[in-house]
Amino acid sequence: FWKMQVQWGFWRKAVRLGFEESVYSTLHLLDPEEQRETYDELVWESGHAVFEIGYWFLDGDGAARVDETEVTCPTLGVGGGKDRMVPPSVVRRVARKYDHVATYKEYPSHAHWIIEEPGWEVVAGDLVAWLEGLRGAAT
């Protein structure tokens, strides 16, 4: 995100990672053709939202602040062992913050674009099983 962040006023406009940055940070486990196809489908992001998440300590409004005691619904944290954008250590730490409602699942051979990476079907199956377990627990 460095190229984006050094542009003064990025928080006031739509932003988008370049192709090479996207491949490095997010799409590196896809084959080159899929990288290009996926990148071409990505849309611009809110620079303001990027600021609120990445520079939460400067955001006087506290838009990214969450009181974990107020979260009462089941949550699933999914970490990819090869994720360069949100390392699994960060996802584990967030899951621990919500340990009263959270389940954590890590996939060592996956990265950030887990929904399209080779082997995504295993992750989807685990997600369905987790959801079905919630349904079973509610009845």
Protein backbone atom coordinates (compact mmCIF):
# COMPACT_ATOMS: atom_id res chain seq x y z
CA PHE A 1 0.00 0.00 0.00
CA TRP A 2 3.02 2.29 0.15
CA LYS A 3 2.50 3.84 -3.31
CA MET A 4 -1.08 4.65 -2.38
CA GLN A 5 -0.24 6.09 1.03
CA VAL A 6 2.44 8.50 -0.14
CA GLN A 7 -0.06 10.27 -2.37
CA TRP A 8 -1.25 13.27 -0.36
CA GLY A 9 -5.00 13.21 0.13
CA PHE A 10 -5.49 9.49 -0.65
CA TRP A 11 -8.08 9.45 2.14
CA ARG A 12 -10.28 11.84 0.13
CA LYS A 13 -10.59 9.82 -3.07
CA ALA A 14 -11.08 6.35 -4.49
CA VAL A 15 -7.90 4.26 -4.51
CA ARG A 16 -6.76 1.08 -6.17
CA LEU A 17 -3.63 -1.00 -5.93
CA GLY A 18 -1.71 -1.42 -9.16
CA PHE A 19 -1.54 -4.80 -10.84
CA GLU A 20 1.93 -5.71 -9.52
CA GLU A 21 1.02 -4.68 -5.96
CA SER A 22 -2.18 -6.71 -6.16
CA VAL A 23 -0.32 -9.78 -7.41
CA TYR A 24 2.27 -9.49 -4.65
CA SER A 25 -0.14 -8.80 -1.81
CA THR A 26 -3.26 -10.69 -2.75
CA LEU A 27 -3.23 -12.72 -5.95
CA HIS A 28 0.16 -14.47 -5.81
CA LEU A 29 -1.22 -18.01 -5.61
CA LEU A 30 -3.30 -17.68 -8.77
CA ASP A 31 -1.85 -18.55 -12.15
CA PRO A 32 -0.86 -15.50 -14.25
CA GLU A 33 -3.95 -15.59 -16.45
CA GLU A 34 -6.26 -15.73 -13.42
CA GLN A 35 -4.28 -12.91 -11.78
CA ARG A 36 -5.00 -10.62 -14.71
CA GLU A 37 -8.66 -11.66 -15.00
CA THR A 38 -9.25 -11.19 -11.27
CA TYR A 39 -7.42 -7.87 -11.15
CA ASP A 40 -9.45 -6.56 -14.07
CA GLU A 41 -12.64 -7.28 -12.09
CA LEU A 42 -11.50 -5.44 -8.95
CA VAL A 43 -13.14 -2.11 -8.23
CA TRP A 44 -11.80 1.04 -6.65
CA GLU A 45 -11.82 1.28 -2.85
CA SER A 46 -12.69 4.16 -0.57
CA GLY A 47 -9.49 5.93 0.45
CA HIS A 48 -11.36 7.12 3.52
CA ALA A 49 -12.08 3.53 4.58
CA VAL A 50 -8.44 2.57 3.94
CA PHE A 51 -7.41 5.45 6.21
CA GLU A 52 -9.88 4.46 8.95
CA ILE A 53 -8.62 0.88 8.98
CA GLY A 54 -4.91 1.44 8.39
CA TYR A 55 -4.52 4.59 10.46
CA TRP A 56 -7.08 3.81 13.14
CA PHE A 57 -4.86 5.47 15.77
CA LEU A 58 -5.23 8.82 13.91
CA ASP A 59 -8.98 8.51 13.39
CA GLY A 60 -10.60 10.67 16.05
CA ASP A 61 -14.01 9.24 15.16
CA GLY A 62 -12.86 5.70 15.97
CA ALA A 63 -14.63 4.22 12.95
CA ALA A 64 -12.65 0.96 13.21
CA ARG A 65 -13.08 0.64 16.98
CA VAL A 66 -15.24 -2.28 18.12
CA ASP A 67 -16.29 -3.17 21.65
CA GLU A 68 -15.86 -6.94 21.56
CA THR A 69 -18.25 -7.42 24.48
CA GLU A 70 -21.05 -6.13 22.24
CA VAL A 71 -20.43 -8.83 19.61
CA THR A 72 -22.66 -11.77 20.49
CA CYS A 73 -23.10 -13.59 17.19
CA PRO A 74 -20.85 -16.47 16.15
CA THR A 75 -17.85 -15.35 14.10
CA LEU A 76 -15.39 -17.27 11.98
CA GLY A 77 -11.83 -16.06 11.53
CA VAL A 78 -10.09 -17.50 8.46
CA GLY A 79 -6.34 -17.16 8.14
CA GLY A 80 -4.12 -18.04 5.23
CA GLY A 81 -0.58 -19.17 6.04
CA LYS A 82 0.74 -17.43 2.90
CA ASP A 83 -1.32 -14.26 3.28
CA ARG A 84 0.86 -11.20 2.69
CA MET A 85 -1.88 -8.66 3.35
CA VAL A 86 -3.32 -9.91 6.66
CA PRO A 87 -0.89 -12.41 8.18
CA PRO A 88 -2.42 -15.31 10.12
CA SER A 89 -0.92 -13.91 13.34
CA VAL A 90 -3.20 -10.88 12.95
CA VAL A 91 -6.28 -13.02 12.25
CA ARG A 92 -5.46 -15.21 15.27
CA ARG A 93 -5.16 -12.11 17.46
CA VAL A 94 -8.54 -10.82 16.28
CA ALA A 95 -10.13 -14.24 16.89
CA ARG A 96 -8.70 -14.26 20.43
CA LYS A 97 -10.26 -10.83 21.01
CA TYR A 98 -13.64 -12.41 20.22
CA ASP A 99 -12.92 -15.78 21.80
CA HIS A 100 -16.33 -15.77 23.50
CA VAL A 101 -17.98 -16.14 20.08
CA ALA A 102 -15.15 -16.86 17.63
CA THR A 103 -13.91 -19.94 15.84
CA TYR A 104 -10.55 -19.73 14.10
CA LYS A 105 -9.49 -21.82 11.12
CA GLU A 106 -6.14 -21.51 9.39
CA TYR A 107 -5.22 -22.79 5.95
CA PRO A 108 -1.41 -22.98 5.68
CA SER A 109 -1.34 -23.36 1.89
CA HIS A 110 -3.64 -20.39 1.19
CA ALA A 111 -3.13 -16.65 0.94
CA HIS A 112 -5.44 -13.63 0.89
CA TRP A 113 -7.52 -14.45 -2.20
CA ILE A 114 -8.65 -17.73 -0.66
CA ILE A 115 -11.99 -17.68 -2.51
CA GLU A 116 -10.33 -18.37 -5.84
CA GLU A 117 -7.04 -20.07 -4.99
CA PRO A 118 -6.40 -23.72 -5.81
CA GLY A 119 -8.10 -25.80 -3.12
CA TRP A 120 -10.77 -23.22 -2.33
CA GLU A 121 -13.33 -26.03 -2.30
CA VAL A 122 -11.93 -27.36 0.99
CA VAL A 123 -12.31 -23.95 2.59
CA ALA A 124 -15.85 -23.60 1.24
CA GLY A 125 -16.72 -27.05 2.58
CA ASP A 126 -15.38 -26.14 6.02
CA LEU A 127 -17.41 -22.94 5.96
CA VAL A 128 -20.58 -24.84 5.09
CA ALA A 129 -19.87 -27.34 7.89
CA TRP A 130 -19.33 -24.46 10.34
CA LEU A 131 -22.63 -22.85 9.29
CA GLU A 132 -24.48 -26.17 9.53
CA GLY A 133 -23.02 -26.65 13.00
CA LEU A 134 -24.48 -23.31 14.01
CA ARG A 135 -27.85 -24.30 12.64
CA GLY A 136 -27.66 -27.60 14.53
CA ALA A 137 -26.73 -25.82 17.75
CA ALA A 138 -29.71 -23.47 17.39
CA THR A 139 -32.31 -26.23 17.16
